[in-house]
Amino acid sequence: MKKLRVALLRGGFSAERQVSIKTGDMIAKNLDKKKYQVFLFDPAKDLIKLANLLNRKKIDVVFPALHGPLGEDGAIQGMLEVFGVPYVFSGVLASALAMDKEMSKKIFKKEKIPIPKYFIFTKNNHISLKKVEFPCVVKPLTQGSSIGVTIVQKPSEFKKALKKALDFGPRVMVEEFIEGREITVAVLGNKKVKALPLIEIKPKTSQFFDYQAKYEVGGSEEICPAPINQILTKKIQELAIKTHLALGCRGVTRTDLILHSSQPFILEINTIPGMTKTSLVPQAAREAGINFQQLLDRLIELALEK
């Protein structure tokens, strides 16, 4: 049987570069060597080499294990569309919408998907502190992995949080802080989709599921399946599917939400979630009876689906 030639992209240009390298290396290690011939590329170094191979039709499918701007935001996806090569995860538009928290929230609002209240701050749009309710969440508009995010408890902390978020781009989201349980839901599929078991996240090293809690060993406790009754679990899964479909996502996504009492509020959707064996999506897949190698196979099948 002829092996499928897979270009695996990891590294890239964003602040999440190191996470992407870990994700990519884990995927490379677990892709079935009997089925795939794997070529590793770092877009920050090998973009011309990759474009050459794509142009010469030497690659069958691309697996972009990239996070953050110029990896998860539709930029790389647009290049792959130009070369007409199939790729894992969501397309150009869905990737761009999901990365831009303001645009995705506008769509969620229109689709009646419950979200926290928010407003946008730019360097030219000065905010009166009278408008801000504390505590609140201050975050960059186009970053992942909770980079640049601060939970602001009081007015004296607000300016510092804004400055931190503005280091990552010219627009910042100031979001209502909702007290509740942190839940994440993976959705697998293109048009025909299924939600995987819920995961509850209990950060141990910080106040919320920030970069440290996500990536340090023992940074958080992740409970899968989440201890939530069947009726509420189904409601949350249906909401995650609605979120996935609202942006036109493909492959697999991970939707993060806060469960306040029995009301879920969608925070954001990730179109290239972490894919190491200990990452949240593989954990949920494993609970659903799909091991890591099978999950990678399924993602490649979805990429090749017409």
C-alpha atoms as a PDB file:
ATOM      1  CA  MET A   1       0.000   0.000   0.000  1.00  0.00           C
ATOM      2  CA  LYS A   2       1.356   3.419  -0.992  1.00  0.00           C
ATOM      3  CA  LYS A   3       2.035   5.642   2.001  1.00  0.00           C
ATOM      4  CA  LEU A   4       0.289   8.999   2.279  1.00  0.00           C
ATOM      5  CA  ARG A   5       2.816  11.860   2.203  1.00  0.00           C
ATOM      6  CA  VAL A   6       2.069  14.107   5.189  1.00  0.00           C
ATOM      7  CA  ALA A   7       3.668  17.528   5.705  1.00  0.00           C
ATOM      8  CA  LEU A   8       3.584  18.166   9.450  1.00  0.00           C
ATOM      9  CA  LEU A   9       3.966  21.851  10.326  1.00  0.00           C
ATOM     10  CA  ARG A  10       5.129  22.844  13.796  1.00  0.00           C
ATOM     11  CA  GLY A  11       6.889  25.805  15.383  1.00  0.00           C
ATOM     12  CA  GLY A  12       5.797  28.873  13.450  1.00  0.00           C
ATOM     13  CA  PHE A  13       5.920  32.567  14.272  1.00  0.00           C
ATOM     14  CA  SER A  14       3.660  33.075  17.306  1.00  0.00           C
ATOM     15  CA  ALA A  15       4.190  33.336  21.066  1.00  0.00           C
ATOM     16  CA  GLU A  16       2.930  29.731  21.217  1.00  0.00           C
ATOM     17  CA  ARG A  17       5.872  28.436  19.169  1.00  0.00           C
ATOM     18  CA  GLN A  18       7.248  26.113  21.889  1.00  0.00           C
ATOM     19  CA  VAL A  19       3.828  24.551  22.530  1.00  0.00           C
ATOM     20  CA  SER A  20       3.460  23.977  18.783  1.00  0.00           C
ATOM     21  CA  ILE A  21       6.840  22.214  18.610  1.00  0.00           C
ATOM     22  CA  LYS A  22       5.796  19.864  21.445  1.00  0.00           C
ATOM     23  CA  THR A  23       2.443  19.202  19.754  1.00  0.00           C
ATOM     24  CA  GLY A  24       4.095  18.536  16.377  1.00  0.00           C
ATOM     25  CA  ASP A  25       6.763  16.236  17.773  1.00  0.00           C
ATOM     26  CA  MET A  26       4.138  14.183  19.612  1.00  0.00           C
ATOM     27  CA  ILE A  27       2.021  13.884  16.438  1.00  0.00           C
ATOM     28  CA  ALA A  28       5.082  12.860  14.378  1.00  0.00           C
ATOM     29  CA  LYS A  29       5.918  10.167  16.924  1.00  0.00           C
ATOM     30  CA  ASN A  30       2.375   8.737  16.864  1.00  0.00           C
ATOM     31  CA  LEU A  31       1.412   8.880  13.188  1.00  0.00           C
ATOM     32  CA  ASP A  32       1.275   5.303  11.886  1.00  0.00           C
ATOM     33  CA  LYS A  33       4.562   4.735   9.988  1.00  0.00           C
ATOM     34  CA  LYS A  34       2.903   1.969   7.929  1.00  0.00           C
ATOM     35  CA  LYS A  35       0.351   4.469   6.561  1.00  0.00           C
ATOM     36  CA  TYR A  36       2.230   7.772   6.383  1.00  0.00           C
ATOM     37  CA  GLN A  37       5.507   9.190   5.164  1.00  0.00           C
ATOM     38  CA  VAL A  38       5.956  12.229   7.430  1.00  0.00           C
ATOM     39  CA  PHE A  39       7.913  15.362   6.477  1.00  0.00           C
ATOM     40  CA  LEU A  40       8.539  17.931   9.240  1.00  0.00           C
ATOM     41  CA  PHE A  41       8.491  21.659   8.466  1.00  0.00           C
ATOM     42  CA  ASP A  42       8.790  24.799  10.587  1.00  0.00           C
ATOM     43  CA  PRO A  43       7.009  27.642   8.721  1.00  0.00           C
ATOM     44  CA  ALA A  44       9.351  30.167  10.393  1.00  0.00           C
ATOM     45  CA  LYS A  45      12.306  28.514   8.623  1.00  0.00           C
ATOM     46  CA  ASP A  46      11.102  26.182   5.871  1.00  0.00           C
ATOM     47  CA  LEU A  47       8.257  28.048   4.139  1.00  0.00           C
ATOM     48  CA  ILE A  48       9.911  28.252   0.695  1.00  0.00           C
ATOM     49  CA  LYS A  49      10.956  24.589   0.852  1.00  0.00           C
ATOM     50  CA  LEU A  50       7.380  23.628   1.782  1.00  0.00           C
ATOM     51  CA  ALA A  51       5.893  25.778  -1.001  1.00  0.00           C
ATOM     52  CA  ASN A  52       8.248  24.076  -3.478  1.00  0.00           C
ATOM     53  CA  LEU A  53       7.082  20.607  -2.494  1.00  0.00           C
ATOM     54  CA  LEU A  54       3.421  21.668  -2.554  1.00  0.00           C
ATOM     55  CA  ASN A  55       3.871  23.200  -6.002  1.00  0.00           C
ATOM     56  CA  ARG A  56       5.455  19.974  -7.300  1.00  0.00           C
ATOM     57  CA  LYS A  57       2.554  17.923  -5.837  1.00  0.00           C
ATOM     58  CA  LYS A  58       4.942  16.001  -3.560  1.00  0.00           C
ATOM     59  CA  ILE A  59       2.606  16.284  -0.526  1.00  0.00           C
ATOM     60  CA  ASP A  60      -0.796  14.564  -0.190  1.00  0.00           C
ATOM     61  CA  VAL A  61      -2.059  16.247   2.989  1.00  0.00           C
ATOM     62  CA  VAL A  62      -0.797  18.921   5.397  1.00  0.00           C
ATOM     63  CA  PHE A  63      -1.133  18.604   9.184  1.00  0.00           C
ATOM     64  CA  PRO A  64      -0.692  22.125  10.637  1.00  0.00           C
ATOM     65  CA  ALA A  65       0.182  21.600  14.308  1.00  0.00           C
ATOM     66  CA  LEU A  66       0.418  25.380  14.731  1.00  0.00           C
ATOM     67  CA  HIS A  67      -1.029  27.688  17.367  1.00  0.00           C
ATOM     68  CA  GLY A  68      -1.682  31.418  17.397  1.00  0.00           C
ATOM     69  CA  PRO A  69      -1.246  34.094  14.698  1.00  0.00           C
ATOM     70  CA  LEU A  70       0.117  33.038  11.269  1.00  0.00           C
ATOM     71  CA  GLY A  71      -0.699  29.419  12.086  1.00  0.00           C
ATOM     72  CA  GLU A  72      -4.216  29.135  13.444  1.00  0.00           C
ATOM     73  CA  ASP A  73      -5.713  32.331  12.004  1.00  0.00           C
ATOM     74  CA  GLY A  74      -6.279  31.385   8.365  1.00  0.00           C
ATOM     75  CA  ALA A  75      -2.924  32.654   7.018  1.00  0.00           C
ATOM     76  CA  ILE A  76      -1.253  29.250   6.473  1.00  0.00           C
ATOM     77  CA  GLN A  77      -4.642  27.806   5.489  1.00  0.00           C
ATOM     78  CA  GLY A  78      -4.919  30.427   2.713  1.00  0.00           C
ATOM     79  CA  MET A  79      -1.517  29.419   1.339  1.00  0.00           C
ATOM     80  CA  LEU A  80      -2.556  25.745   1.331  1.00  0.00           C
ATOM     81  CA  GLU A  81      -5.780  26.622  -0.512  1.00  0.00           C
ATOM     82  CA  VAL A  82      -3.713  28.362  -3.230  1.00  0.00           C
ATOM     83  CA  PHE A  83      -1.731  25.149  -3.755  1.00  0.00           C
ATOM     84  CA  GLY A  84      -4.923  23.060  -3.684  1.00  0.00           C
ATOM     85  CA  VAL A  85      -3.640  20.655  -1.033  1.00  0.00           C
ATOM     86  CA  PRO A  86      -5.967  19.171   1.644  1.00  0.00           C
ATOM     87  CA  TYR A  87      -5.155  20.032   5.252  1.00  0.00           C
ATOM     88  CA  VAL A  88      -6.248  19.014   8.748  1.00  0.00           C
ATOM     89  CA  PHE A  89      -8.489  21.287  10.863  1.00  0.00           C
ATOM     90  CA  SER A  90     -10.659  24.249   9.857  1.00  0.00           C
ATOM     91  CA  GLY A  91     -10.549  26.317   6.665  1.00  0.00           C
ATOM     92  CA  VAL A  92      -9.504  29.928   6.086  1.00  0.00           C
ATOM     93  CA  LEU A  93     -12.691  31.712   7.160  1.00  0.00           C
ATOM     94  CA  ALA A  94     -13.476  29.575  10.228  1.00  0.00           C
ATOM     95  CA  SER A  95      -9.844  29.819  11.389  1.00  0.00           C
ATOM     96  CA  ALA A  96      -9.795  33.614  11.012  1.00  0.00           C
ATOM     97  CA  LEU A  97     -13.160  34.062  12.762  1.00  0.00           C
ATOM     98  CA  ALA A  98     -12.240  31.804  15.683  1.00  0.00           C
ATOM     99  CA  MET A  99      -8.906  33.566  16.226  1.00  0.00           C
ATOM    100  CA  ASP A 100     -10.523  37.012  16.279  1.00  0.00           C
ATOM    101  CA  LYS A 101     -12.479  36.939  19.540  1.00  0.00           C
ATOM    102  CA  GLU A 102     -14.565  40.001  18.594  1.00  0.00           C
ATOM    103  CA  MET A 103     -15.711  38.546  15.250  1.00  0.00           C
ATOM    104  CA  SER A 104     -16.508  35.126  16.704  1.00  0.00           C
ATOM    105  CA  LYS A 105     -18.500  36.699  19.556  1.00  0.00           C
ATOM    106  CA  LYS A 106     -20.527  38.753  17.052  1.00  0.00           C
ATOM    107  CA  ILE A 107     -21.505  35.525  15.302  1.00  0.00           C
ATOM    108  CA  PHE A 108     -22.248  33.733  18.587  1.00  0.00           C
ATOM    109  CA  LYS A 109     -24.502  36.627  19.604  1.00  0.00           C
ATOM    110  CA  LYS A 110     -26.379  36.466  16.295  1.00  0.00           C
ATOM    111  CA  GLU A 111     -26.782  32.685  16.668  1.00  0.00           C
ATOM    112  CA  LYS A 112     -28.102  33.157  20.239  1.00  0.00           C
ATOM    113  CA  ILE A 113     -25.116  31.347  21.753  1.00  0.00           C
ATOM    114  CA  PRO A 114     -24.724  32.615  25.360  1.00  0.00           C
ATOM    115  CA  ILE A 115     -21.528  34.623  25.908  1.00  0.00           C
ATOM    116  CA  PRO A 116     -20.222  36.987  28.626  1.00  0.00           C
ATOM    117  CA  LYS A 117     -20.790  40.720  28.103  1.00  0.00           C
ATOM    118  CA  TYR A 118     -17.759  42.448  26.580  1.00  0.00           C
ATOM    119  CA  PHE A 119     -16.401  45.551  24.908  1.00  0.00           C
ATOM    120  CA  ILE A 120     -13.305  46.278  22.804  1.00  0.00           C
ATOM    121  CA  PHE A 121     -10.476  48.602  23.751  1.00  0.00           C
ATOM    122  CA  THR A 122      -7.937  50.033  21.293  1.00  0.00           C
ATOM    123  CA  LYS A 123      -5.096  52.487  21.860  1.00  0.00           C
ATOM    124  CA  ASN A 124      -7.252  55.231  20.308  1.00  0.00           C
ATOM    125  CA  ASN A 125     -10.405  54.261  22.212  1.00  0.00           C
ATOM    126  CA  HIS A 126      -9.902  55.362  25.807  1.00  0.00           C
ATOM    127  CA  ILE A 127     -12.199  53.738  28.347  1.00  0.00           C
ATOM    128  CA  SER A 128     -13.746  55.474  31.318  1.00  0.00           C
ATOM    129  CA  LEU A 129     -13.256  53.210  34.320  1.00  0.00           C
ATOM    130  CA  LYS A 130     -16.860  54.009  35.235  1.00  0.00           C
ATOM    131  CA  LYS A 131     -17.903  51.706  32.361  1.00  0.00           C
ATOM    132  CA  VAL A 132     -15.916  48.759  33.710  1.00  0.00           C
ATOM    133  CA  GLU A 133     -17.400  46.355  36.233  1.00  0.00           C
ATOM    134  CA  PHE A 134     -14.923  44.513  38.456  1.00  0.00           C
ATOM    135  CA  PRO A 135     -13.788  41.808  38.472  1.00  0.00           C
ATOM    136  CA  CYS A 136     -13.341  41.610  34.678  1.00  0.00           C
ATOM    137  CA  VAL A 137     -11.159  39.691  32.218  1.00  0.00           C
ATOM    138  CA  VAL A 138      -8.715  41.562  29.985  1.00  0.00           C
ATOM    139  CA  LYS A 139      -7.349  39.619  27.001  1.00  0.00           C
ATOM    140  CA  PRO A 140      -5.646  40.184  23.628  1.00  0.00           C
ATOM    141  CA  LEU A 141      -8.054  39.767  20.729  1.00  0.00           C
ATOM    142  CA  THR A 142      -5.976  37.386  18.619  1.00  0.00           C
ATOM    143  CA  GLN A 143      -3.914  35.138  20.903  1.00  0.00           C
ATOM    144  CA  GLY A 144      -4.374  31.633  22.263  1.00  0.00           C
ATOM    145  CA  SER A 145      -3.112  29.611  25.254  1.00  0.00           C
ATOM    146  CA  SER A 146      -4.354  32.386  27.604  1.00  0.00           C
ATOM    147  CA  ILE A 147      -1.305  34.477  26.648  1.00  0.00           C
ATOM    148  CA  GLY A 148      -1.657  38.075  27.847  1.00  0.00           C
ATOM    149  CA  VAL A 149      -4.851  37.349  29.831  1.00  0.00           C
ATOM    150  CA  THR A 150      -5.472  38.903  33.265  1.00  0.00           C
ATOM    151  CA  ILE A 151      -8.391  38.631  35.674  1.00  0.00           C
ATOM    152  CA  VAL A 152      -8.615  42.184  37.050  1.00  0.00           C
ATOM    153  CA  GLN A 153     -10.057  42.394  40.546  1.00  0.00           C
ATOM    154  CA  LYS A 154      -9.994  46.168  41.134  1.00  0.00           C
ATOM    155  CA  PRO A 155      -9.587  49.466  39.210  1.00  0.00           C
ATOM    156  CA  SER A 156      -5.956  49.961  40.307  1.00  0.00           C
ATOM    157  CA  GLU A 157      -4.946  46.765  38.398  1.00  0.00           C
ATOM    158  CA  PHE A 158      -6.740  47.664  35.149  1.00  0.00           C
ATOM    159  CA  LYS A 159      -4.088  49.827  33.458  1.00  0.00           C
ATOM    160  CA  LYS A 160      -1.351  47.220  33.964  1.00  0.00           C
ATOM    161  CA  ALA A 161      -3.605  44.470  32.532  1.00  0.00           C
ATOM    162  CA  LEU A 162      -4.381  46.609  29.459  1.00  0.00           C
ATOM    163  CA  LYS A 163      -0.694  47.278  28.867  1.00  0.00           C
ATOM    164  CA  LYS A 164       0.088  43.555  29.108  1.00  0.00           C
ATOM    165  CA  ALA A 165      -2.656  42.644  26.591  1.00  0.00           C
ATOM    166  CA  LEU A 166      -1.654  45.447  24.195  1.00  0.00           C
ATOM    167  CA  ASP A 167       1.828  43.902  23.940  1.00  0.00           C
ATOM    168  CA  PHE A 168       0.183  41.215  21.801  1.00  0.00           C
ATOM    169  CA  GLY A 169      -1.801  43.423  19.414  1.00  0.00           C
ATOM    170  CA  PRO A 170      -3.662  46.719  19.003  1.00  0.00           C
ATOM    171  CA  ARG A 171      -7.087  45.483  20.161  1.00  0.00           C
ATOM    172  CA  VAL A 172      -8.046  44.166  23.581  1.00  0.00           C
ATOM    173  CA  MET A 173     -11.242  42.546  24.843  1.00  0.00           C
ATOM    174  CA  VAL A 174     -12.571  43.532  28.257  1.00  0.00           C
ATOM    175  CA  GLU A 175     -14.972  40.772  29.251  1.00  0.00           C
ATOM    176  CA  GLU A 176     -17.410  40.255  32.089  1.00  0.00           C
ATOM    177  CA  PHE A 177     -15.967  37.868  34.689  1.00  0.00           C
ATOM    178  CA  ILE A 178     -18.386  35.005  35.315  1.00  0.00           C
ATOM    179  CA  GLU A 179     -17.845  32.860  38.393  1.00  0.00           C
ATOM    180  CA  GLY A 180     -18.262  29.168  37.680  1.00  0.00           C
ATOM    181  CA  ARG A 181     -16.765  25.851  36.648  1.00  0.00           C
ATOM    182  CA  GLU A 182     -14.318  25.744  33.727  1.00  0.00           C
ATOM    183  CA  ILE A 183     -15.483  23.187  31.157  1.00  0.00           C
ATOM    184  CA  THR A 184     -14.111  22.282  27.733  1.00  0.00           C
ATOM    185  CA  VAL A 185     -15.809  20.300  24.958  1.00  0.00           C
ATOM    186  CA  ALA A 186     -14.220  18.764  21.867  1.00  0.00           C
ATOM    187  CA  VAL A 187     -16.330  18.434  18.715  1.00  0.00           C
ATOM    188  CA  LEU A 188     -15.174  16.030  16.003  1.00  0.00           C
ATOM    189  CA  GLY A 189     -16.310  16.114  12.369  1.00  0.00           C
ATOM    190  CA  ASN A 190     -17.027  18.308   9.366  1.00  0.00           C
ATOM    191  CA  LYS A 191     -20.739  18.561   8.544  1.00  0.00           C
ATOM    192  CA  LYS A 192     -21.587  15.360  10.421  1.00  0.00           C
ATOM    193  CA  VAL A 193     -20.268  16.011  13.933  1.00  0.00           C
ATOM    194  CA  LYS A 194     -20.211  14.529  17.410  1.00  0.00           C
ATOM    195  CA  ALA A 195     -19.286  16.035  20.762  1.00  0.00           C
ATOM    196  CA  LEU A 196     -16.816  14.107  22.904  1.00  0.00           C
ATOM    197  CA  PRO A 197     -17.110  13.715  26.705  1.00  0.00           C
ATOM    198  CA  LEU A 198     -16.851  16.938  28.731  1.00  0.00           C
ATOM    199  CA  ILE A 199     -13.723  17.820  30.696  1.00  0.00           C
ATOM    200  CA  GLU A 200     -13.779  19.931  33.845  1.00  0.00           C
ATOM    201  CA  ILE A 201     -10.595  21.893  34.530  1.00  0.00           C
ATOM    202  CA  LYS A 202      -9.512  22.800  38.048  1.00  0.00           C
ATOM    203  CA  PRO A 203      -6.375  24.988  37.941  1.00  0.00           C
ATOM    204  CA  LYS A 204      -3.949  24.343  40.812  1.00  0.00           C
ATOM    205  CA  THR A 205      -1.180  26.881  40.203  1.00  0.00           C
ATOM    206  CA  SER A 206      -3.264  29.933  39.279  1.00  0.00           C
ATOM    207  CA  GLN A 207      -6.667  31.565  39.517  1.00  0.00           C
ATOM    208  CA  PHE A 208      -7.778  30.341  36.076  1.00  0.00           C
ATOM    209  CA  PHE A 209      -6.610  27.991  33.286  1.00  0.00           C
ATOM    210  CA  ASP A 210      -3.702  30.218  32.208  1.00  0.00           C
ATOM    211  CA  TYR A 211      -0.495  29.337  30.310  1.00  0.00           C
ATOM    212  CA  GLN A 212       1.187  27.981  33.451  1.00  0.00           C
ATOM    213  CA  ALA A 213      -1.832  25.871  34.457  1.00  0.00           C
ATOM    214  CA  LYS A 214      -2.124  24.538  30.890  1.00  0.00           C
ATOM    215  CA  TYR A 215       1.450  23.470  30.290  1.00  0.00           C
ATOM    216  CA  GLU A 216       3.220  22.890  33.622  1.00  0.00           C
ATOM    217  CA  VAL A 217       3.129  19.368  35.018  1.00  0.00           C
ATOM    218  CA  GLY A 218       0.547  19.362  37.827  1.00  0.00           C
ATOM    219  CA  GLY A 219      -0.675  22.839  36.839  1.00  0.00           C
ATOM    220  CA  SER A 220      -4.274  21.707  36.804  1.00  0.00           C
ATOM    221  CA  GLU A 221      -6.583  18.809  37.534  1.00  0.00           C
ATOM    222  CA  GLU A 222      -8.558  17.663  34.483  1.00  0.00           C
ATOM    223  CA  ILE A 223     -11.599  15.493  35.154  1.00  0.00           C
ATOM    224  CA  CYS A 224     -12.990  13.478  32.239  1.00  0.00           C
ATOM    225  CA  PRO A 225     -15.856  12.887  32.036  1.00  0.00           C
ATOM    226  CA  ALA A 226     -16.831  16.002  33.986  1.00  0.00           C
ATOM    227  CA  PRO A 227     -19.105  15.228  36.977  1.00  0.00           C
ATOM    228  CA  ILE A 228     -22.201  16.846  35.445  1.00  0.00           C
ATOM    229  CA  ASN A 229     -25.644  15.268  35.154  1.00  0.00           C
ATOM    230  CA  GLN A 230     -26.710  13.715  31.856  1.00  0.00           C
ATOM    231  CA  ILE A 231     -29.285  16.390  30.903  1.00  0.00           C
ATOM    232  CA  LEU A 232     -26.870  19.282  31.439  1.00  0.00           C
ATOM    233  CA  THR A 233     -24.038  17.370  29.736  1.00  0.00           C
ATOM    234  CA  LYS A 234     -26.213  16.954  26.625  1.00  0.00           C
ATOM    235  CA  LYS A 235     -27.142  20.667  26.700  1.00  0.00           C
ATOM    236  CA  ILE A 236     -23.466  21.682  26.858  1.00  0.00           C
ATOM    237  CA  GLN A 237     -22.473  19.240  24.094  1.00  0.00           C
ATOM    238  CA  GLU A 238     -25.261  20.565  21.846  1.00  0.00           C
ATOM    239  CA  LEU A 239     -24.072  24.131  22.503  1.00  0.00           C
ATOM    240  CA  ALA A 240     -20.486  23.177  21.567  1.00  0.00           C
ATOM    241  CA  ILE A 241     -21.749  21.586  18.321  1.00  0.00           C
ATOM    242  CA  LYS A 242     -23.741  24.741  17.560  1.00  0.00           C
ATOM    243  CA  THR A 243     -20.593  26.821  18.190  1.00  0.00           C
ATOM    244  CA  HIS A 244     -18.491  24.570  15.891  1.00  0.00           C
ATOM    245  CA  LEU A 245     -21.067  24.756  13.091  1.00  0.00           C
ATOM    246  CA  ALA A 246     -21.763  28.497  13.524  1.00  0.00           C
ATOM    247  CA  LEU A 247     -18.222  29.320  12.366  1.00  0.00           C
ATOM    248  CA  GLY A 248     -18.112  26.543   9.751  1.00  0.00           C
ATOM    249  CA  CYS A 249     -15.350  24.608  11.529  1.00  0.00           C
ATOM    250  CA  ARG A 250     -13.935  21.273  10.365  1.00  0.00           C
ATOM    251  CA  GLY A 251     -11.862  18.409  11.759  1.00  0.00           C
ATOM    252  CA  VAL A 252     -11.841  18.925  15.499  1.00  0.00           C
ATOM    253  CA  THR A 253     -12.388  21.973  17.710  1.00  0.00           C
ATOM    254  CA  ARG A 254     -12.285  22.589  21.438  1.00  0.00           C
ATOM    255  CA  THR A 255     -14.846  24.970  22.918  1.00  0.00           C
ATOM    256  CA  ASP A 256     -14.039  26.521  26.296  1.00  0.00           C
ATOM    257  CA  LEU A 257     -16.869  27.683  28.538  1.00  0.00           C
ATOM    258  CA  ILE A 258     -17.816  28.703  32.046  1.00  0.00           C
ATOM    259  CA  LEU A 259     -20.684  26.858  33.711  1.00  0.00           C
ATOM    260  CA  HIS A 260     -22.430  29.292  36.066  1.00  0.00           C
ATOM    261  CA  SER A 261     -24.978  27.283  38.084  1.00  0.00           C
ATOM    262  CA  SER A 262     -26.654  25.367  35.214  1.00  0.00           C
ATOM    263  CA  GLN A 263     -26.059  28.041  32.537  1.00  0.00           C
ATOM    264  CA  PRO A 264     -23.071  27.591  30.194  1.00  0.00           C
ATOM    265  CA  PHE A 265     -21.372  30.702  28.723  1.00  0.00           C
ATOM    266  CA  ILE A 266     -19.098  30.202  25.714  1.00  0.00           C
ATOM    267  CA  LEU A 267     -15.691  31.876  26.063  1.00  0.00           C
ATOM    268  CA  GLU A 268     -13.981  30.858  22.822  1.00  0.00           C
ATOM    269  CA  ILE A 269     -13.412  28.086  20.306  1.00  0.00           C
ATOM    270  CA  ASN A 270      -9.998  26.669  19.361  1.00  0.00           C
ATOM    271  CA  THR A 271      -9.615  25.437  15.772  1.00  0.00           C
ATOM    272  CA  ILE A 272      -6.166  23.835  16.350  1.00  0.00           C
ATOM    273  CA  PRO A 273      -6.344  22.553  19.923  1.00  0.00           C
ATOM    274  CA  GLY A 274      -3.277  21.113  21.635  1.00  0.00           C
ATOM    275  CA  MET A 275      -2.579  17.598  20.370  1.00  0.00           C
ATOM    276  CA  THR A 276      -0.079  16.025  22.726  1.00  0.00           C
ATOM    277  CA  LYS A 277      -1.213  12.800  24.388  1.00  0.00           C
ATOM    278  CA  THR A 278      -1.970  14.691  27.610  1.00  0.00           C
ATOM    279  CA  SER A 279      -3.825  17.546  25.868  1.00  0.00           C
ATOM    280  CA  LEU A 280      -7.546  17.956  26.457  1.00  0.00           C
ATOM    281  CA  VAL A 281      -8.874  16.764  23.074  1.00  0.00           C
ATOM    282  CA  PRO A 282      -6.924  13.458  23.120  1.00  0.00           C
ATOM    283  CA  GLN A 283      -8.095  12.921  26.730  1.00  0.00           C
ATOM    284  CA  ALA A 284     -11.736  13.350  25.687  1.00  0.00           C
ATOM    285  CA  ALA A 285     -11.222  11.115  22.629  1.00  0.00           C
ATOM    286  CA  ARG A 286      -9.680   8.415  24.806  1.00  0.00           C
ATOM    287  CA  GLU A 287     -12.717   8.530  27.107  1.00  0.00           C
ATOM    288  CA  ALA A 288     -14.869   8.052  23.977  1.00  0.00           C
ATOM    289  CA  GLY A 289     -12.840   4.944  23.023  1.00  0.00           C
ATOM    290  CA  ILE A 290     -10.590   6.632  20.411  1.00  0.00           C
ATOM    291  CA  ASN A 291      -6.867   6.269  21.096  1.00  0.00           C
ATOM    292  CA  PHE A 292      -4.341   8.916  20.012  1.00  0.00           C
ATOM    293  CA  GLN A 293      -3.269   7.126  16.820  1.00  0.00           C
ATOM    294  CA  GLN A 294      -6.903   6.567  15.815  1.00  0.00           C
ATOM    295  CA  LEU A 295      -7.649  10.251  16.473  1.00  0.00           C
ATOM    296  CA  LEU A 296      -4.795  11.314  14.168  1.00  0.00           C
ATOM    297  CA  ASP A 297      -6.072   8.886  11.487  1.00  0.00           C
ATOM    298  CA  ARG A 298      -9.569  10.338  11.814  1.00  0.00           C
ATOM    299  CA  LEU A 299      -8.325  13.921  11.463  1.00  0.00           C
ATOM    300  CA  ILE A 300      -6.482  13.016   8.260  1.00  0.00           C
ATOM    301  CA  GLU A 301      -9.603  11.241   6.934  1.00  0.00           C
ATOM    302  CA  LEU A 302     -11.657  14.377   7.655  1.00  0.00           C
ATOM    303  CA  ALA A 303      -9.063  16.515   5.845  1.00  0.00           C
ATOM    304  CA  LEU A 304      -9.369  14.307   2.747  1.00  0.00           C
ATOM    305  CA  GLU A 305     -13.181  14.237   2.880  1.00  0.00           C
ATOM    306  CA  LYS A 306     -14.768  15.906  -0.161  1.00  0.00           C
END
